[in-house]
Amino acid sequence: MNQQIDDNLRRVYDDAAREPVPERFTKLLEQLRQQEQKPCAPDSDTSPEDDDQ
């Protein structure tokens, strides 16, 4: 019985793993990669010294 459950679970997860990634997720990943490649400019509005006042 346990072997049958294991086999069915593997079959379901293998099928799901073979499905293509939805286009909205690939677009999101591409946007994140582009943001990571941009140099970060220091944000003068949120300096730690301002928090003490």
C-alpha atoms as a PDB file:
ATOM      1  CA  MET A   1       0.000   0.000   0.000  1.00  0.00           C
ATOM      2  CA  ASN A   2       2.786   2.479   0.923  1.00  0.00           C
ATOM      3  CA  GLN A   3       4.592   1.735  -2.340  1.00  0.00           C
ATOM      4  CA  GLN A   4       1.443   2.527  -4.315  1.00  0.00           C
ATOM      5  CA  ILE A   5       1.074   5.863  -2.497  1.00  0.00           C
ATOM      6  CA  ASP A   6       4.750   6.665  -3.115  1.00  0.00           C
ATOM      7  CA  ASP A   7       4.415   5.840  -6.820  1.00  0.00           C
ATOM      8  CA  ASN A   8       1.298   7.994  -7.198  1.00  0.00           C
ATOM      9  CA  LEU A   9       2.896  10.939  -5.416  1.00  0.00           C
ATOM     10  CA  ARG A  10       6.017  10.697  -7.583  1.00  0.00           C
ATOM     11  CA  ARG A  11       3.879  10.573 -10.722  1.00  0.00           C
ATOM     12  CA  VAL A  12       1.923  13.685  -9.709  1.00  0.00           C
ATOM     13  CA  TYR A  13       5.014  15.680  -8.725  1.00  0.00           C
ATOM     14  CA  ASP A  14       6.945  14.576 -11.818  1.00  0.00           C
ATOM     15  CA  ASP A  15       4.083  15.784 -14.012  1.00  0.00           C
ATOM     16  CA  ALA A  16       3.968  19.139 -12.203  1.00  0.00           C
ATOM     17  CA  ALA A  17       7.746  19.552 -12.452  1.00  0.00           C
ATOM     18  CA  ARG A  18       7.584  19.074 -16.224  1.00  0.00           C
ATOM     19  CA  GLU A  19       4.995  21.818 -16.722  1.00  0.00           C
ATOM     20  CA  PRO A  20       6.333  25.047 -18.207  1.00  0.00           C
ATOM     21  CA  VAL A  21       6.792  28.039 -15.933  1.00  0.00           C
ATOM     22  CA  PRO A  22       3.936  30.528 -16.475  1.00  0.00           C
ATOM     23  CA  GLU A  23       4.934  33.532 -18.573  1.00  0.00           C
ATOM     24  CA  ARG A  24       4.035  35.998 -15.793  1.00  0.00           C
ATOM     25  CA  PHE A  25       6.630  34.346 -13.537  1.00  0.00           C
ATOM     26  CA  THR A  26       9.335  34.408 -16.191  1.00  0.00           C
ATOM     27  CA  LYS A  27       8.611  38.117 -16.763  1.00  0.00           C
ATOM     28  CA  LEU A  28       8.847  38.769 -13.025  1.00  0.00           C
ATOM     29  CA  LEU A  29      12.160  36.923 -12.825  1.00  0.00           C
ATOM     30  CA  GLU A  30      13.511  38.938 -15.732  1.00  0.00           C
ATOM     31  CA  GLN A  31      12.473  42.210 -14.048  1.00  0.00           C
ATOM     32  CA  LEU A  32      14.212  41.139 -10.834  1.00  0.00           C
ATOM     33  CA  ARG A  33      17.388  40.240 -12.716  1.00  0.00           C
ATOM     34  CA  GLN A  34      17.382  43.634 -14.417  1.00  0.00           C
ATOM     35  CA  GLN A  35      16.974  45.403 -11.065  1.00  0.00           C
ATOM     36  CA  GLU A  36      19.860  43.429  -9.575  1.00  0.00           C
ATOM     37  CA  GLN A  37      22.130  44.536 -12.412  1.00  0.00           C
ATOM     38  CA  LYS A  38      21.406  48.235 -11.864  1.00  0.00           C
ATOM     39  CA  PRO A  39      23.840  50.007  -9.545  1.00  0.00           C
ATOM     40  CA  CYS A  40      22.240  51.032  -6.274  1.00  0.00           C
ATOM     41  CA  ALA A  41      22.257  54.753  -5.595  1.00  0.00           C
ATOM     42  CA  PRO A  42      22.358  55.790  -1.940  1.00  0.00           C
ATOM     43  CA  ASP A  43      19.019  57.102  -0.739  1.00  0.00           C
ATOM     44  CA  SER A  44      19.649  60.397   1.031  1.00  0.00           C
ATOM     45  CA  ASP A  45      16.122  60.503   2.507  1.00  0.00           C
ATOM     46  CA  THR A  46      16.637  57.468   4.750  1.00  0.00           C
ATOM     47  CA  SER A  47      19.995  57.961   6.377  1.00  0.00           C
ATOM     48  CA  PRO A  48      20.446  56.320   9.807  1.00  0.00           C
ATOM     49  CA  GLU A  49      21.309  59.665  11.441  1.00  0.00           C
ATOM     50  CA  ASP A  50      17.779  60.948  10.746  1.00  0.00           C
ATOM     51  CA  ASP A  51      16.241  58.163  12.847  1.00  0.00           C
ATOM     52  CA  ASP A  52      17.840  59.458  16.060  1.00  0.00           C
ATOM     53  CA  GLN A  53      16.104  62.847  15.940  1.00  0.00           C
END
